[in-house]
C-alpha atoms as a PDB file:
ATOM      1  CA  UNK A   1       4.899 -43.348  -6.758  1.00  0.00           C
ATOM      2  CA  UNK A   2       5.321 -42.156  -3.154  1.00  0.00           C
ATOM      3  CA  UNK A   3       8.629 -40.503  -4.031  1.00  0.00           C
ATOM      4  CA  UNK A   4       7.016 -38.649  -6.936  1.00  0.00           C
ATOM      5  CA  UNK A   5       4.145 -37.348  -4.802  1.00  0.00           C
ATOM      6  CA  UNK A   6       6.584 -36.377  -2.056  1.00  0.00           C
ATOM      7  CA  UNK A   7       8.681 -34.424  -4.533  1.00  0.00           C
ATOM      8  CA  UNK A   8       5.618 -32.549  -5.788  1.00  0.00           C
ATOM      9  CA  UNK A   9       4.526 -31.695  -2.246  1.00  0.00           C
ATOM     10  CA  UNK A  10       8.062 -30.608  -1.343  1.00  0.00           C
ATOM     11  CA  UNK A  11       8.349 -28.418  -4.445  1.00  0.00           C
ATOM     12  CA  UNK A  12       4.919 -26.902  -3.859  1.00  0.00           C
ATOM     13  CA  UNK A  13       5.775 -26.045  -0.261  1.00  0.00           C
ATOM     14  CA  UNK A  14       9.104 -24.549  -1.319  1.00  0.00           C
ATOM     15  CA  UNK A  15       7.381 -22.431  -3.949  1.00  0.00           C
ATOM     16  CA  UNK A  16       4.853 -21.217  -1.372  1.00  0.00           C
ATOM     17  CA  UNK A  17       7.496 -20.487   1.279  1.00  0.00           C
ATOM     18  CA  UNK A  18       7.479 -16.708   0.689  1.00  0.00           C
ATOM     19  CA  UNK A  19       3.737 -16.438   1.210  1.00  0.00           C
ATOM     20  CA  UNK A  20       3.729 -18.741   4.252  1.00  0.00           C
ATOM     21  CA  UNK A  21       6.569 -16.740   5.783  1.00  0.00           C
ATOM     22  CA  UNK A  22       4.810 -13.441   5.051  1.00  0.00           C
ATOM     23  CA  UNK A  23       1.628 -14.705   6.698  1.00  0.00           C
ATOM     24  CA  UNK A  24       3.656 -15.790   9.731  1.00  0.00           C
ATOM     25  CA  UNK A  25       5.022 -12.248   9.860  1.00  0.00           C
ATOM     26  CA  UNK A  26       1.500 -10.816   9.724  1.00  0.00           C
ATOM     27  CA  UNK A  27       0.474 -13.040  12.644  1.00  0.00           C
ATOM     28  CA  UNK A  28       3.534 -12.011  14.645  1.00  0.00           C
ATOM     29  CA  UNK A  29       2.785  -8.370  13.903  1.00  0.00           C
ATOM     30  CA  UNK A  30      -0.725  -8.773  15.288  1.00  0.00           C
ATOM     31  CA  UNK A  31       0.865 -10.144  18.468  1.00  0.00           C
ATOM     32  CA  UNK A  32       3.062  -7.046  18.709  1.00  0.00           C
ATOM     33  CA  UNK A  33       6.262  -8.900  17.821  1.00  0.00           C
ATOM     34  CA  UNK A  34       7.665  -6.218  15.535  1.00  0.00           C
ATOM     35  CA  UNK A  35      11.231  -7.489  15.225  1.00  0.00           C
ATOM     36  CA  UNK A  36      10.175 -11.069  14.494  1.00  0.00           C
ATOM     37  CA  UNK A  37       7.631  -9.953  11.908  1.00  0.00           C
ATOM     38  CA  UNK A  38      10.241  -7.730  10.221  1.00  0.00           C
ATOM     39  CA  UNK A  39      12.553 -10.748   9.953  1.00  0.00           C
ATOM     40  CA  UNK A  40       9.738 -12.799   8.393  1.00  0.00           C
ATOM     41  CA  UNK A  41       8.876 -10.086   5.858  1.00  0.00           C
ATOM     42  CA  UNK A  42      12.504  -9.639   4.847  1.00  0.00           C
ATOM     43  CA  UNK A  43      13.014 -13.401   4.525  1.00  0.00           C
ATOM     44  CA  UNK A  44       9.822 -13.761   2.486  1.00  0.00           C
ATOM     45  CA  UNK A  45      10.910 -10.967   0.131  1.00  0.00           C
ATOM     46  CA  UNK A  46      14.380 -12.480  -0.299  1.00  0.00           C
ATOM     47  CA  UNK A  47      13.074 -15.972  -1.041  1.00  0.00           C
ATOM     48  CA  UNK A  48      10.419 -14.624  -3.406  1.00  0.00           C
ATOM     49  CA  UNK A  49      13.057 -12.573  -5.236  1.00  0.00           C
ATOM     50  CA  UNK A  50      15.288 -15.644  -5.549  1.00  0.00           C
ATOM     51  CA  UNK A  51      12.341 -17.619  -6.944  1.00  0.00           C
ATOM     52  CA  UNK A  52      11.323 -14.739  -9.267  1.00  0.00           C
ATOM     53  CA  UNK A  53       7.924 -14.870  -7.548  1.00  0.00           C
ATOM     54  CA  UNK A  54       7.246 -11.180  -8.114  1.00  0.00           C
ATOM     55  CA  UNK A  55       3.740 -11.002  -6.680  1.00  0.00           C
ATOM     56  CA  UNK A  56       4.845 -12.676  -3.443  1.00  0.00           C
ATOM     57  CA  UNK A  57       7.850 -10.388  -3.304  1.00  0.00           C
ATOM     58  CA  UNK A  58       5.507  -7.430  -3.736  1.00  0.00           C
ATOM     59  CA  UNK A  59       3.246  -8.672  -0.947  1.00  0.00           C
ATOM     60  CA  UNK A  60       6.168  -9.261   1.426  1.00  0.00           C
ATOM     61  CA  UNK A  61       7.611  -5.805   0.847  1.00  0.00           C
ATOM     62  CA  UNK A  62       4.166  -4.206   1.209  1.00  0.00           C
ATOM     63  CA  UNK A  63       3.832  -5.964   4.562  1.00  0.00           C
ATOM     64  CA  UNK A  64       7.233  -4.614   5.575  1.00  0.00           C
ATOM     65  CA  UNK A  65       6.258  -1.055   4.578  1.00  0.00           C
ATOM     66  CA  UNK A  66       2.986  -1.300   6.519  1.00  0.00           C
ATOM     67  CA  UNK A  67       4.866  -2.624   9.560  1.00  0.00           C
ATOM     68  CA  UNK A  68       7.304   0.285   9.360  1.00  0.00           C
ATOM     69  CA  UNK A  69       4.417   2.738   9.215  1.00  0.00           C
ATOM     70  CA  UNK A  70       2.531   1.138  12.110  1.00  0.00           C
ATOM     71  CA  UNK A  71       5.589   0.707  14.354  1.00  0.00           C
ATOM     72  CA  UNK A  72       7.159   4.050  13.355  1.00  0.00           C
ATOM     73  CA  UNK A  73      10.362   2.380  12.146  1.00  0.00           C
ATOM     74  CA  UNK A  74      11.781   5.408  10.350  1.00  0.00           C
ATOM     75  CA  UNK A  75      15.231   3.926   9.769  1.00  0.00           C
ATOM     76  CA  UNK A  76      13.768   0.875   8.025  1.00  0.00           C
ATOM     77  CA  UNK A  77      10.923   2.662   6.230  1.00  0.00           C
ATOM     78  CA  UNK A  78      13.009   4.518   3.629  1.00  0.00           C
ATOM     79  CA  UNK A  79      14.763   1.357   2.442  1.00  0.00           C
ATOM     80  CA  UNK A  80      11.511  -0.640   2.442  1.00  0.00           C
ATOM     81  CA  UNK A  81       9.745   2.102   0.459  1.00  0.00           C
ATOM     82  CA  UNK A  82      12.566   2.118  -2.109  1.00  0.00           C
ATOM     83  CA  UNK A  83      12.418  -1.670  -2.346  1.00  0.00           C
ATOM     84  CA  UNK A  84       8.653  -1.515  -2.870  1.00  0.00           C
ATOM     85  CA  UNK A  85       9.127   1.024  -5.635  1.00  0.00           C
ATOM     86  CA  UNK A  86      11.636  -1.253  -7.374  1.00  0.00           C
ATOM     87  CA  UNK A  87       9.423  -4.338  -7.138  1.00  0.00           C
ATOM     88  CA  UNK A  88       6.344  -2.370  -8.235  1.00  0.00           C
ATOM     89  CA  UNK A  89       8.225  -1.065 -11.279  1.00  0.00           C
ATOM     90  CA  UNK A  90       8.649  -4.628 -12.526  1.00  0.00           C
ATOM     91  CA  UNK A  91       4.897  -4.897 -13.215  1.00  0.00           C
ATOM     92  CA  UNK A  92       3.868  -3.459 -16.570  1.00  0.00           C
ATOM     93  CA  UNK A  93       0.246  -4.555 -16.505  1.00  0.00           C
ATOM     94  CA  UNK A  94      -2.406  -5.595 -14.025  1.00  0.00           C
ATOM     95  CA  UNK A  95      -2.946  -2.192 -12.470  1.00  0.00           C
ATOM     96  CA  UNK A  96      -6.525  -3.238 -11.701  1.00  0.00           C
ATOM     97  CA  UNK A  97      -5.367  -5.967  -9.293  1.00  0.00           C
ATOM     98  CA  UNK A  98      -5.773  -5.366  -5.589  1.00  0.00           C
ATOM     99  CA  UNK A  99      -2.088  -5.993  -4.861  1.00  0.00           C
ATOM    100  CA  UNK A 100      -0.866  -3.381  -7.346  1.00  0.00           C
ATOM    101  CA  UNK A 101      -3.515  -0.869  -6.281  1.00  0.00           C
ATOM    102  CA  UNK A 102      -2.432  -1.270  -2.668  1.00  0.00           C
ATOM    103  CA  UNK A 103       1.227  -0.939  -3.647  1.00  0.00           C
ATOM    104  CA  UNK A 104       0.460   2.280  -5.532  1.00  0.00           C
ATOM    105  CA  UNK A 105      -1.312   3.628  -2.456  1.00  0.00           C
ATOM    106  CA  UNK A 106       1.650   2.753  -0.234  1.00  0.00           C
ATOM    107  CA  UNK A 107       3.958   4.462  -2.711  1.00  0.00           C
ATOM    108  CA  UNK A 108       1.888   7.604  -2.571  1.00  0.00           C
ATOM    109  CA  UNK A 109      -0.362   7.094  -5.570  1.00  0.00           C
ATOM    110  CA  UNK A 110       2.167   6.417  -8.318  1.00  0.00           C
ATOM    111  CA  UNK A 111       0.226   5.878 -11.513  1.00  0.00           C
ATOM    112  CA  UNK A 112       0.678   2.557 -13.295  1.00  0.00           C
ATOM    113  CA  UNK A 113       1.243   4.173 -16.699  1.00  0.00           C
ATOM    114  CA  UNK A 114       4.264   6.043 -15.292  1.00  0.00           C
ATOM    115  CA  UNK A 115       5.740   2.786 -14.043  1.00  0.00           C
ATOM    116  CA  UNK A 116       5.273   1.059 -17.404  1.00  0.00           C
ATOM    117  CA  UNK A 117       7.815   3.416 -18.974  1.00  0.00           C
ATOM    118  CA  UNK A 118      10.565   2.470 -16.498  1.00  0.00           C
ATOM    119  CA  UNK A 119      13.265   0.006 -17.587  1.00  0.00           C
ATOM    120  CA  UNK A 120      12.319  -3.607 -16.942  1.00  0.00           C
ATOM    121  CA  UNK A 121      14.744  -5.403 -14.563  1.00  0.00           C
END
């Protein structure tokens, strides 16, 4: 029984890794640790992508875009913005959710109905 519970806890923590890592990046950003927070956001996005955890991938990339804006990281911003656009395009519904509304704002107000017509990855 202990092994079964341990496996569930381990799997749950692994599944939540992208969000935990993103939140660590947010905390580091508040402490002014730009490079460390960038690493966390990139890692969170990569793990979320690997897990097909699209909403956590979206959140991680949004955090990276916001960091780039706040820290004036021009060389990183363009790639992060493109990545956000690609992740955002995956969503074909749910435009009323806070995450997708925020992503649209970060992308410059792209309308959800325009994204729905894009090819689905």
